[in-house]
N, C-alpha and C. Protein backbone atom coordinates (compact mmCIF):
# COMPACT_ATOMS: atom_id res chain seq x y z
N UNK A 1 -26.83 -12.39 9.41
CA UNK A 1 -26.45 -11.18 9.70
C UNK A 1 -25.33 -11.07 11.00
N UNK A 2 -24.38 -10.53 10.87
CA UNK A 2 -23.24 -10.52 12.06
C UNK A 2 -23.81 -9.72 12.90
N UNK A 3 -23.38 -10.35 13.99
CA UNK A 3 -23.42 -9.93 15.80
C UNK A 3 -22.50 -8.76 15.58
N UNK A 4 -23.05 -8.14 16.93
CA UNK A 4 -21.80 -7.20 16.97
C UNK A 4 -20.66 -7.49 17.61
N UNK A 5 -20.79 -8.39 18.34
CA UNK A 5 -19.16 -9.08 18.67
C UNK A 5 -18.58 -9.60 17.73
N UNK A 6 -19.20 -10.04 16.67
CA UNK A 6 -18.61 -10.66 15.63
C UNK A 6 -17.88 -9.72 14.63
N UNK A 7 -18.79 -8.63 14.60
CA UNK A 7 -18.42 -7.61 13.53
C UNK A 7 -17.08 -6.67 14.18
N UNK A 8 -17.01 -6.66 15.53
CA UNK A 8 -15.64 -5.99 16.20
C UNK A 8 -14.81 -6.99 16.24
N UNK A 9 -14.68 -8.08 16.46
CA UNK A 9 -13.69 -9.38 16.37
C UNK A 9 -12.91 -8.98 14.65
N UNK A 10 -13.90 -9.30 13.97
CA UNK A 10 -13.54 -9.05 12.37
C UNK A 10 -12.67 -7.66 12.03
N UNK A 11 -13.03 -6.43 12.93
CA UNK A 11 -12.10 -5.21 12.69
C UNK A 11 -10.88 -5.33 13.51
N UNK A 12 -11.06 -6.01 14.75
CA UNK A 12 -9.68 -5.88 15.15
C UNK A 12 -8.80 -7.33 14.63
N UNK A 13 -9.38 -8.06 14.23
CA UNK A 13 -8.65 -9.01 13.07
C UNK A 13 -7.81 -8.54 11.93
N UNK A 14 -8.70 -7.65 11.38
CA UNK A 14 -8.28 -7.05 9.94
C UNK A 14 -7.39 -6.04 10.19
N UNK A 15 -7.33 -5.44 11.26
CA UNK A 15 -6.58 -3.94 11.58
C UNK A 15 -5.35 -3.95 11.09
N UNK A 16 -4.59 -4.98 11.76
CA UNK A 16 -2.84 -4.55 11.14
C UNK A 16 -2.59 -4.91 9.99
N UNK A 17 -3.57 -6.10 9.33
CA UNK A 17 -3.41 -6.55 7.68
C UNK A 17 -3.35 -5.27 7.07
N UNK A 18 -4.68 -4.48 7.15
CA UNK A 18 -5.14 -3.39 6.68
C UNK A 18 -4.25 -2.28 6.57
N UNK A 19 -3.91 -2.23 8.03
CA UNK A 19 -2.61 -1.01 7.95
C UNK A 19 -1.46 -1.34 7.08
N UNK A 20 -1.21 -2.82 7.13
CA UNK A 20 0.48 -2.75 6.49
C UNK A 20 -0.15 -2.54 4.83
N UNK A 21 -1.31 -3.02 4.45
CA UNK A 21 -1.59 -3.01 3.19
C UNK A 21 -1.42 -1.48 2.60
N UNK A 22 -2.08 -0.44 3.49
CA UNK A 22 -2.22 0.57 3.07
C UNK A 22 -1.05 1.45 3.33
N UNK A 23 -0.03 1.20 4.40
CA UNK A 23 0.94 1.50 4.18
C UNK A 23 2.19 1.07 2.92
N UNK A 24 1.95 0.03 2.52
CA UNK A 24 2.38 -0.60 1.57
C UNK A 24 2.37 0.68 0.12
N UNK A 25 1.13 0.58 0.00
CA UNK A 25 0.64 1.42 -1.01
C UNK A 25 1.17 3.09 -0.83
N UNK A 26 0.57 3.79 0.35
CA UNK A 26 0.67 5.11 0.44
C UNK A 26 2.27 5.61 0.73
N UNK A 27 2.91 4.73 1.79
CA UNK A 27 4.26 4.99 2.43
C UNK A 27 4.47 5.77 3.09
N UNK A 28 3.05 6.22 4.04
CA UNK A 28 2.95 6.99 4.93
C UNK A 28 2.32 6.47 6.04
N UNK A 29 2.50 6.45 7.15
CA UNK A 29 2.10 5.93 8.17
C UNK A 29 0.39 6.75 8.85
N UNK A 30 0.91 8.09 8.58
CA UNK A 30 -0.75 8.69 9.09
C UNK A 30 -1.69 8.56 8.21
N UNK A 31 -0.94 8.70 6.79
CA UNK A 31 -2.03 8.38 5.88
C UNK A 31 -2.86 7.16 5.86
N UNK A 32 -1.74 6.10 5.92
CA UNK A 32 -2.42 4.99 6.03
C UNK A 32 -3.31 4.48 7.10
N UNK A 33 -2.97 5.21 8.53
CA UNK A 33 -3.62 5.08 9.36
C UNK A 33 -5.04 5.50 9.24
N UNK A 34 -5.29 6.75 8.62
CA UNK A 34 -6.55 7.41 8.17
C UNK A 34 -7.17 6.78 6.92
N UNK A 35 -6.65 6.06 6.22
CA UNK A 35 -7.29 5.25 4.86
C UNK A 35 -8.05 4.25 5.64
N UNK A 36 -7.32 3.26 6.80
CA UNK A 36 -8.11 2.26 7.55
C UNK A 36 -9.00 2.74 8.26
N UNK A 37 -8.98 3.56 9.30
CA UNK A 37 -10.03 4.40 9.70
C UNK A 37 -11.17 4.59 9.06
N UNK A 38 -11.06 5.24 8.14
CA UNK A 38 -12.18 5.76 6.93
C UNK A 38 -12.73 4.43 6.43
N UNK A 39 -12.20 3.19 6.17
CA UNK A 39 -12.52 2.11 5.60
C UNK A 39 -13.72 1.80 6.41
N UNK A 40 -13.06 1.33 7.91
CA UNK A 40 -13.84 0.71 9.04
C UNK A 40 -15.02 1.54 9.16
N UNK A 41 -14.87 2.77 9.38
CA UNK A 41 -16.26 3.74 9.66
C UNK A 41 -17.03 3.54 8.26
N UNK A 42 -16.57 3.69 7.18
CA UNK A 42 -17.55 3.17 6.01
C UNK A 42 -18.36 1.63 6.20
N UNK A 43 -17.49 0.68 6.79
CA UNK A 43 -17.90 -0.52 6.26
C UNK A 43 -18.92 -0.72 7.86
N UNK A 44 -18.77 0.29 8.92
CA UNK A 44 -19.83 -0.02 9.61
C UNK A 44 -20.86 0.78 9.25
N UNK A 45 -20.53 1.87 9.17
CA UNK A 45 -22.46 2.89 8.37
C UNK A 45 -22.78 1.83 7.71
N UNK A 46 -22.26 1.71 6.44
CA UNK A 46 -22.98 0.76 5.38
C UNK A 46 -23.14 -0.64 5.60
N UNK A 47 -22.56 -1.27 5.94
CA UNK A 47 -22.83 -2.73 5.64
C UNK A 47 -22.74 -3.62 7.29
N UNK A 48 -22.81 -3.03 8.33
CA UNK A 48 -22.63 -3.82 9.64
C UNK A 48 -23.89 -4.98 9.55
N UNK A 49 -25.00 -4.57 8.68
CA UNK A 49 -25.83 -5.36 8.73
C UNK A 49 -26.00 -6.98 7.61
N UNK A 50 -24.85 -6.85 7.10
CA UNK A 50 -24.58 -7.73 6.28
C UNK A 50 -23.62 -9.33 7.11
N UNK A 51 -24.01 -10.19 6.54
CA UNK A 51 -23.45 -11.73 7.25
C UNK A 51 -21.87 -11.34 7.21
N UNK A 52 -21.14 -12.17 8.09
CA UNK A 52 -19.81 -11.95 8.11
C UNK A 52 -19.18 -12.51 6.97
N UNK A 53 -19.69 -13.26 6.58
CA UNK A 53 -18.74 -13.82 5.14
C UNK A 53 -18.59 -12.87 4.13
N UNK A 54 -19.40 -12.00 4.28
CA UNK A 54 -19.60 -11.11 3.01
C UNK A 54 -18.58 -9.63 3.29
N UNK A 55 -18.59 -9.72 4.54
CA UNK A 55 -18.43 -8.32 5.07
C UNK A 55 -16.59 -8.07 4.70
N UNK A 56 -15.88 -9.60 4.80
CA UNK A 56 -14.73 -9.52 4.66
C UNK A 56 -14.51 -8.82 2.94
N UNK A 57 -15.06 -9.45 2.22
CA UNK A 57 -15.03 -8.99 0.81
C UNK A 57 -15.18 -7.31 0.43
N UNK A 58 -16.31 -7.22 1.44
CA UNK A 58 -16.58 -5.81 1.07
C UNK A 58 -15.82 -4.67 1.87
N UNK A 59 -15.24 -5.30 3.05
CA UNK A 59 -13.83 -4.78 3.71
C UNK A 59 -12.50 -4.29 2.29
N UNK A 60 -12.23 -5.41 1.94
CA UNK A 60 -11.12 -5.48 1.01
C UNK A 60 -11.83 -4.71 0.12
N UNK A 61 -12.98 -4.24 -0.54
CA UNK A 61 -12.98 -3.77 -1.69
C UNK A 61 -12.92 -1.70 -1.11
N UNK A 62 -13.90 -1.90 -0.15
CA UNK A 62 -13.56 -0.37 0.35
C UNK A 62 -12.29 -0.02 0.95
N UNK A 63 -11.51 -1.09 1.40
CA UNK A 63 -10.11 -0.45 1.68
C UNK A 63 -9.52 0.19 0.60
N UNK A 64 -9.41 -0.78 -0.95
CA UNK A 64 -8.88 -0.64 -1.81
C UNK A 64 -9.54 0.94 -2.73
N UNK A 65 -11.05 1.20 -2.36
CA UNK A 65 -11.50 2.34 -3.23
C UNK A 65 -10.84 3.69 -2.33
N UNK A 66 -10.94 3.27 -0.94
CA UNK A 66 -10.35 4.57 -0.19
C UNK A 66 -8.95 4.90 -0.27
N UNK A 67 -8.24 3.85 -0.83
CA UNK A 67 -6.61 3.76 -0.99
C UNK A 67 -6.58 4.85 -2.34
N UNK A 68 -7.32 4.52 -3.61
CA UNK A 68 -7.63 5.04 -4.41
C UNK A 68 -7.78 6.66 -4.19
N UNK A 69 -9.07 6.79 -3.86
CA UNK A 69 -9.03 7.95 -3.21
C UNK A 69 -8.31 8.88 -2.83
N UNK A 70 -7.62 8.29 -1.71
CA UNK A 70 -6.24 9.26 -1.25
C UNK A 70 -5.45 9.52 -2.47
N UNK A 71 -4.98 8.63 -3.33
CA UNK A 71 -4.08 9.11 -4.49
C UNK A 71 -4.72 9.94 -5.07
N UNK A 72 -6.16 10.17 -5.72
CA UNK A 72 -6.54 11.07 -6.31
C UNK A 72 -6.61 12.44 -5.69
N UNK A 73 -6.73 12.26 -4.27
CA UNK A 73 -6.48 13.73 -3.69
C UNK A 73 -5.12 14.13 -3.64
N UNK A 74 -4.52 13.06 -3.44
CA UNK A 74 -2.96 13.62 -3.62
C UNK A 74 -2.73 14.31 -4.75
N UNK A 75 -3.06 13.96 -6.12
CA UNK A 75 -2.59 14.59 -6.85
C UNK A 75 -3.36 15.35 -7.41
N UNK A 76 -4.50 15.90 -6.83
CA UNK A 76 -4.96 17.35 -6.95
C UNK A 76 -4.71 18.19 -6.31
N UNK A 77 -4.10 17.70 -4.84
CA UNK A 77 -3.06 18.68 -4.06
C UNK A 77 -1.56 18.83 -5.24
N UNK A 78 -1.04 18.13 -5.21
CA UNK A 78 0.06 18.30 -5.94
C UNK A 78 -0.13 19.16 -7.18
N UNK A 79 -1.08 18.95 -7.95
CA UNK A 79 -1.55 19.82 -9.18
C UNK A 79 -1.35 21.45 -8.88
N UNK A 80 -2.37 21.43 -7.52
CA UNK A 80 -2.45 22.97 -6.97
C UNK A 80 -1.42 23.47 -6.96
N UNK A 81 -0.24 23.08 -6.16
CA UNK A 81 0.70 23.36 -5.41
C UNK A 81 1.82 23.12 -5.92
N UNK A 82 2.14 22.83 -7.19
CA UNK A 82 3.20 22.11 -7.96
C UNK A 82 3.97 23.65 -8.32
N UNK A 83 3.46 24.73 -8.72
CA UNK A 83 4.00 25.99 -9.41
C UNK A 83 5.14 26.78 -8.20
N UNK A 84 5.90 26.10 -7.64
CA UNK A 84 6.97 26.64 -6.62
C UNK A 84 7.39 28.11 -7.12
N UNK A 85 7.42 28.20 -7.79
CA UNK A 85 8.22 29.71 -8.29
C UNK A 85 7.28 30.68 -7.97
N UNK A 86 5.82 30.81 -7.55
CA UNK A 86 5.00 31.74 -6.89
C UNK A 86 5.60 31.90 -5.78
N UNK A 87 5.96 31.02 -4.82
CA UNK A 87 6.89 31.46 -3.40
C UNK A 87 8.17 32.01 -3.61
N UNK A 88 8.85 32.01 -4.65
CA UNK A 88 10.25 32.18 -4.47
C UNK A 88 10.41 33.89 -4.35
N UNK A 89 11.32 34.53 -4.04
CA UNK A 89 11.71 35.87 -3.82
C UNK A 89 11.70 36.33 -4.97
N UNK A 90 11.33 37.68 -5.22
CA UNK A 90 11.18 38.58 -6.51
C UNK A 90 12.27 39.73 -6.14
N UNK A 91 13.35 39.43 -5.24
CA UNK A 91 14.27 40.71 -5.02
C UNK A 91 15.05 40.51 -6.47
N UNK A 92 15.37 41.61 -6.50
CA UNK A 92 16.70 41.92 -7.40
C UNK A 92 17.94 41.64 -7.09
N UNK A 93 17.96 41.30 -5.93
CA UNK A 93 19.41 40.93 -5.47
C UNK A 93 19.79 39.50 -6.39
N UNK A 94 21.31 39.32 -6.11
CA UNK A 94 21.62 38.00 -6.67
C UNK A 94 21.55 36.84 -5.95
N UNK A 95 20.86 37.02 -4.63
CA UNK A 95 20.72 35.64 -3.91
C UNK A 95 19.71 34.88 -4.72
N UNK A 96 19.85 33.40 -4.51
CA UNK A 96 19.24 32.55 -5.10
C UNK A 96 18.28 31.76 -3.75
N UNK A 97 17.01 32.12 -4.07
CA UNK A 97 15.86 31.22 -2.81
C UNK A 97 15.24 30.24 -3.72
N UNK A 98 15.25 28.90 -2.95
CA UNK A 98 14.84 27.88 -3.35
C UNK A 98 14.20 27.42 -2.51
N UNK A 99 12.52 27.24 -2.68
CA UNK A 99 11.45 26.69 -1.85
C UNK A 99 12.08 25.26 -1.15
N UNK A 100 12.41 24.64 -2.32
CA UNK A 100 12.99 22.95 -1.96
C UNK A 100 14.06 23.06 -1.09
N UNK A 101 14.91 24.18 -1.23
CA UNK A 101 15.91 23.82 -0.30
C UNK A 101 15.88 24.24 1.30
N UNK A 102 14.68 25.03 1.19
CA UNK A 102 14.73 25.54 2.36
C UNK A 102 13.29 25.07 3.40
N UNK A 103 12.77 23.93 2.60
CA UNK A 103 11.30 23.28 2.97
C UNK A 103 11.55 22.19 4.32
N UNK A 104 11.12 22.31 5.48
CA UNK A 104 11.31 21.19 6.12
C UNK A 104 9.84 20.65 6.07
N UNK A 105 9.81 19.20 6.34
CA UNK A 105 8.53 18.55 6.60
C UNK A 105 7.88 18.37 7.91
N UNK A 106 6.77 17.65 7.76
CA UNK A 106 6.09 18.16 8.88
C UNK A 106 6.63 17.91 10.14
N UNK A 107 7.58 16.98 10.29
CA UNK A 107 8.54 16.60 11.70
C UNK A 107 9.55 17.36 11.97
N UNK A 108 9.93 18.58 10.80
CA UNK A 108 10.79 19.04 10.97
C UNK A 108 12.27 18.75 10.32
N UNK A 109 12.22 17.55 9.60
CA UNK A 109 13.43 17.32 8.90
C UNK A 109 13.10 17.51 7.49
N UNK A 110 14.64 17.78 6.63
CA UNK A 110 14.18 17.93 5.28
C UNK A 110 14.11 16.81 4.49
N UNK A 111 13.17 17.31 3.68
CA UNK A 111 12.21 16.23 2.85
C UNK A 111 12.63 16.09 1.25
N UNK A 112 13.88 16.75 1.28
CA UNK A 112 14.42 17.00 -0.36
C UNK A 112 14.81 15.58 -0.68
N UNK A 113 14.62 15.07 -1.77
CA UNK A 113 14.97 13.94 -2.01
C UNK A 113 15.31 14.36 -3.71
N UNK A 114 16.57 13.82 -3.94
CA UNK A 114 16.69 14.13 -5.37
C UNK A 114 15.93 13.22 -6.54
N UNK A 115 15.83 13.53 -7.78
CA UNK A 115 15.17 13.17 -8.64
C UNK A 115 15.71 11.73 -9.06
N UNK A 116 16.98 11.45 -8.94
CA UNK A 116 17.73 10.16 -9.26
C UNK A 116 17.47 9.24 -8.47
N UNK A 117 17.08 9.62 -6.72
CA UNK A 117 16.68 8.41 -6.12
C UNK A 117 15.36 8.18 -6.36
N UNK A 118 14.70 9.51 -6.32
CA UNK A 118 13.25 9.01 -6.62
C UNK A 118 13.07 8.11 -8.02
N UNK A 119 13.57 8.19 -9.04
CA UNK A 119 13.48 8.03 -10.43
C UNK A 119 14.07 6.20 -10.15
N UNK A 120 15.17 6.00 -9.31
CA UNK A 120 15.75 4.86 -8.90
C UNK A 120 14.27 3.75 -8.36
N UNK A 121 13.88 4.46 -7.35
CA UNK A 121 12.83 3.56 -6.11
C UNK A 121 11.74 3.04 -6.99
N UNK A 122 11.17 4.23 -7.90
CA UNK A 122 10.16 4.15 -8.96
C UNK A 122 10.55 2.90 -10.14
N UNK A 123 11.77 2.93 -10.50
CA UNK A 123 11.95 1.48 -11.21
C UNK A 123 12.15 0.43 -10.59
N UNK A 124 12.64 0.44 -9.65
CA UNK A 124 12.82 -0.60 -8.47
C UNK A 124 11.32 -1.38 -8.64
N UNK A 125 10.26 -0.38 -7.83
CA UNK A 125 9.10 -0.98 -7.73
C UNK A 125 8.21 -1.64 -9.21
N UNK A 126 8.63 -1.14 -10.28
CA UNK A 126 8.35 -1.21 -11.35
C UNK A 126 8.53 -2.89 -11.82
N UNK A 127 10.22 -3.30 -11.65
CA UNK A 127 10.81 -4.21 -11.87
C UNK A 127 10.10 -5.42 -10.72
N UNK A 128 9.58 -5.29 -9.73
CA UNK A 128 9.28 -6.09 -8.53
C UNK A 128 8.01 -6.43 -9.39
N UNK A 129 6.97 -5.54 -9.70
CA UNK A 129 5.71 -5.33 -10.03
C UNK A 129 5.50 -6.40 -11.46
N UNK A 130 6.68 -6.05 -12.30
CA UNK A 130 6.93 -7.09 -13.33
C UNK A 130 7.30 -8.19 -12.96
N UNK A 131 8.06 -8.47 -12.11
CA UNK A 131 8.57 -9.84 -12.16
C UNK A 131 7.35 -10.67 -11.04
N UNK A 132 6.22 -9.91 -10.39
CA UNK A 132 5.48 -10.49 -10.07
C UNK A 132 4.17 -10.89 -10.87
N UNK A 133 3.92 -9.98 -11.96
CA UNK A 133 3.24 -10.38 -12.97
C UNK A 133 3.59 -11.51 -13.81
N UNK A 134 4.85 -11.76 -13.76
CA UNK A 134 5.58 -13.00 -14.84
C UNK A 134 5.28 -14.28 -13.65
N UNK A 135 5.19 -14.25 -12.67
CA UNK A 135 4.64 -15.37 -11.76
C UNK A 135 3.64 -16.22 -12.59
N UNK A 136 3.40 -17.82 -11.94
CA UNK A 136 2.33 -18.23 -12.50
C UNK A 136 1.12 -17.83 -11.25
N UNK A 137 -0.28 -17.47 -12.24
CA UNK A 137 -1.27 -17.09 -11.17
C UNK A 137 -1.45 -17.52 -9.57
N UNK A 138 -1.35 -19.12 -9.50
CA UNK A 138 -1.23 -19.60 -8.14
C UNK A 138 -0.21 -19.07 -7.19
N UNK A 139 1.07 -18.84 -7.54
CA UNK A 139 1.87 -18.53 -6.83
C UNK A 139 2.12 -17.05 -6.87
N UNK A 140 1.63 -16.43 -7.33
CA UNK A 140 1.32 -14.95 -7.42
C UNK A 140 0.33 -14.73 -6.38
N UNK A 141 -0.56 -15.37 -6.36
CA UNK A 141 -1.86 -15.25 -5.44
C UNK A 141 -1.50 -15.70 -3.90
N UNK A 142 -1.04 -16.85 -4.01
CA UNK A 142 -0.13 -16.92 -2.72
C UNK A 142 0.93 -16.14 -2.13
N UNK A 143 1.69 -15.46 -2.85
CA UNK A 143 2.56 -14.82 -2.56
C UNK A 143 1.69 -13.42 -2.03
N UNK A 144 0.98 -12.82 -2.37
CA UNK A 144 0.53 -11.66 -2.11
C UNK A 144 -0.43 -11.95 -1.11
N UNK A 145 -1.07 -12.51 -0.89
CA UNK A 145 -1.61 -13.00 0.42
C UNK A 145 -0.85 -13.18 1.47
N UNK A 146 -0.11 -14.12 1.63
CA UNK A 146 0.78 -14.20 2.91
C UNK A 146 1.69 -13.23 3.05
N UNK A 147 2.38 -12.39 1.69
CA UNK A 147 3.40 -11.53 2.05
C UNK A 147 2.86 -10.15 2.39
N UNK A 148 2.12 -9.93 1.28
CA UNK A 148 1.22 -8.61 1.08
C UNK A 148 0.16 -8.07 2.04
N UNK A 149 -0.52 -9.21 2.06
CA UNK A 149 -2.33 -8.96 2.79
C UNK A 149 -1.42 -9.54 4.11
N UNK A 150 -0.44 -9.90 4.27
CA UNK A 150 -0.17 -10.86 5.90
C UNK A 150 -1.42 -11.96 6.23
N UNK A 151 -1.75 -12.67 5.65
CA UNK A 151 -2.82 -13.90 6.08
C UNK A 151 -1.48 -15.04 6.26
N UNK A 152 -2.24 -15.68 7.26
CA UNK A 152 -1.57 -16.89 7.63
C UNK A 152 -1.52 -18.01 6.82
N UNK A 153 -1.20 -19.29 7.16
CA UNK A 153 -1.09 -19.92 5.70
C UNK A 153 -2.67 -20.73 5.66
N UNK A 154 -2.96 -21.08 6.68
CA UNK A 154 -4.63 -21.49 7.19
C UNK A 154 -5.69 -20.43 6.26
N UNK A 155 -5.71 -19.32 6.62
CA UNK A 155 -6.14 -18.20 6.12
C UNK A 155 -6.01 -18.47 4.04
N UNK A 156 -4.58 -18.37 3.98
CA UNK A 156 -4.66 -18.53 2.62
C UNK A 156 -4.94 -20.04 1.72
N UNK A 157 -4.67 -20.69 2.61
CA UNK A 157 -5.44 -22.05 2.07
C UNK A 157 -6.67 -22.34 1.98
N UNK A 158 -7.60 -21.27 2.81
CA UNK A 158 -8.85 -21.32 2.60
C UNK A 158 -9.01 -20.65 1.46
N UNK A 159 -8.79 -19.26 1.40
CA UNK A 159 -9.12 -18.09 0.53
C UNK A 159 -8.65 -18.76 -1.08
N UNK A 160 -7.66 -19.59 -1.00
CA UNK A 160 -7.46 -20.31 -2.54
C UNK A 160 -8.05 -21.70 -2.49
N UNK A 161 -8.68 -22.10 -1.84
CA UNK A 161 -9.24 -23.51 -1.90
C UNK A 161 -8.06 -24.76 -2.14
N UNK A 162 -7.34 -24.45 -1.59
CA UNK A 162 -6.22 -25.59 -1.43
C UNK A 162 -5.45 -25.96 0.14
N UNK A 163 -4.62 -26.75 -0.03
CA UNK A 163 -3.97 -27.18 1.03
C UNK A 163 -3.24 -26.15 1.43
N UNK A 164 -2.92 -26.38 3.40
CA UNK A 164 -1.78 -25.63 3.60
C UNK A 164 -0.18 -25.68 2.92
N UNK A 165 -0.29 -27.45 2.82
CA UNK A 165 1.19 -27.41 2.05
C UNK A 165 1.42 -26.96 0.68
N UNK A 166 0.14 -26.94 0.05
CA UNK A 166 0.01 -26.36 -1.42
C UNK A 166 0.53 -24.72 -1.39
N UNK A 167 -0.22 -23.85 -0.49
CA UNK A 167 0.25 -22.74 -0.19
C UNK A 167 1.89 -22.42 0.30
N UNK A 168 1.96 -23.53 0.99
CA UNK A 168 3.50 -23.39 1.21
C UNK A 168 4.70 -23.45 0.04
N UNK A 169 3.94 -24.46 -0.79
CA UNK A 169 4.84 -24.80 -1.73
C UNK A 169 5.04 -23.52 -2.91
N UNK A 170 3.41 -23.08 -3.15
CA UNK A 170 3.47 -21.74 -4.11
C UNK A 170 4.22 -20.67 -3.60
N UNK A 171 4.30 -20.45 -2.23
CA UNK A 171 5.01 -19.22 -1.80
C UNK A 171 6.48 -19.66 -1.77
N UNK A 172 7.04 -20.96 -1.69
CA UNK A 172 8.65 -21.30 -1.87
C UNK A 172 8.91 -20.63 -3.09
N UNK A 173 8.08 -21.72 -4.65
CA UNK A 173 8.44 -21.43 -5.34
C UNK A 173 8.45 -19.94 -5.70
N UNK A 174 7.41 -18.91 -5.47
CA UNK A 174 7.32 -17.72 -6.02
C UNK A 174 8.76 -16.46 -5.13
N UNK A 175 8.78 -16.99 -4.18
CA UNK A 175 9.84 -16.47 -3.72
C UNK A 175 11.45 -17.02 -4.48
N UNK A 176 11.58 -18.12 -4.63
CA UNK A 176 12.66 -18.33 -5.51
C UNK A 176 12.54 -17.74 -6.97
N UNK A 177 11.44 -17.74 -7.55
CA UNK A 177 11.55 -17.27 -9.06
C UNK A 177 11.89 -15.60 -9.01
N UNK A 178 10.90 -15.01 -7.85
CA UNK A 178 11.44 -13.29 -7.56
C UNK A 178 12.87 -13.22 -7.25
N UNK A 179 13.46 -14.22 -6.78
CA UNK A 179 14.65 -14.09 -6.18
C UNK A 179 15.61 -14.12 -7.39
N UNK A 180 15.40 -14.70 -8.39
CA UNK A 180 16.02 -15.16 -9.52
C UNK A 180 15.76 -14.15 -10.15
N UNK A 181 14.81 -13.86 -10.73
CA UNK A 181 14.18 -12.28 -11.55
C UNK A 181 15.20 -11.42 -11.21
N UNK A 182 15.03 -11.23 -9.83
CA UNK A 182 15.32 -9.76 -9.24
C UNK A 182 16.67 -9.38 -9.33
N UNK A 183 17.28 -10.41 -9.11
CA UNK A 183 19.03 -10.69 -8.65
C UNK A 183 19.38 -10.90 -10.19
N UNK A 184 18.71 -11.21 -11.20
CA UNK A 184 19.22 -10.85 -12.96
C UNK A 184 19.30 -9.46 -13.14
N UNK A 185 18.32 -8.78 -12.61
CA UNK A 185 18.38 -7.25 -12.93
C UNK A 185 19.22 -6.20 -12.20
N UNK A 186 19.72 -6.94 -11.14
CA UNK A 186 20.55 -6.30 -10.28
C UNK A 186 20.00 -5.41 -9.66
N UNK A 187 18.46 -6.24 -8.95
CA UNK A 187 18.27 -5.24 -7.62
C UNK A 187 17.91 -6.14 -6.37
N UNK A 188 18.89 -5.00 -5.52
CA UNK A 188 19.25 -5.43 -4.36
C UNK A 188 18.37 -5.41 -3.30
N UNK A 189 17.51 -6.32 -2.54
CA UNK A 189 16.38 -5.61 -1.61
C UNK A 189 17.05 -5.87 -0.16
């Protein structure tokens, strides 16, 4: 059973990595903060009595589920409000009003993005994911832990059950392979 101090230290230790992970997925700082906060609250409410070794795995699963819940809510919200023609002017004049042209985002800036840019970004992410899937399992595992989960070399080595030198080698090879693959596809990061 984790002591209150151990549990608090765990939450402090994991919060930045969890935020980066959530931000990578949802690409919205406020939503990422909400996801991490909700995950930590669920962990504290339901699993504070578990041993500290189990808490890390539980937190990762809770964070993943909370992120998926966020995407489901977004999908539902977008489905409910996707018919913009309901909001457009019905006047018989020849003026053409488009909600998308006049919409300002939450911070007052225009949020309109062309379909071309959205499609290009989606294609680049798909190419990166495909390149990651082609990496050998140990390289992919080391790369994701080090650069997406923001774990240090020692944590990654402990999680993978190998030496720190092996982690560095796997990461170096993964970066080289990804760079070669993505450069050949014309992806510039």
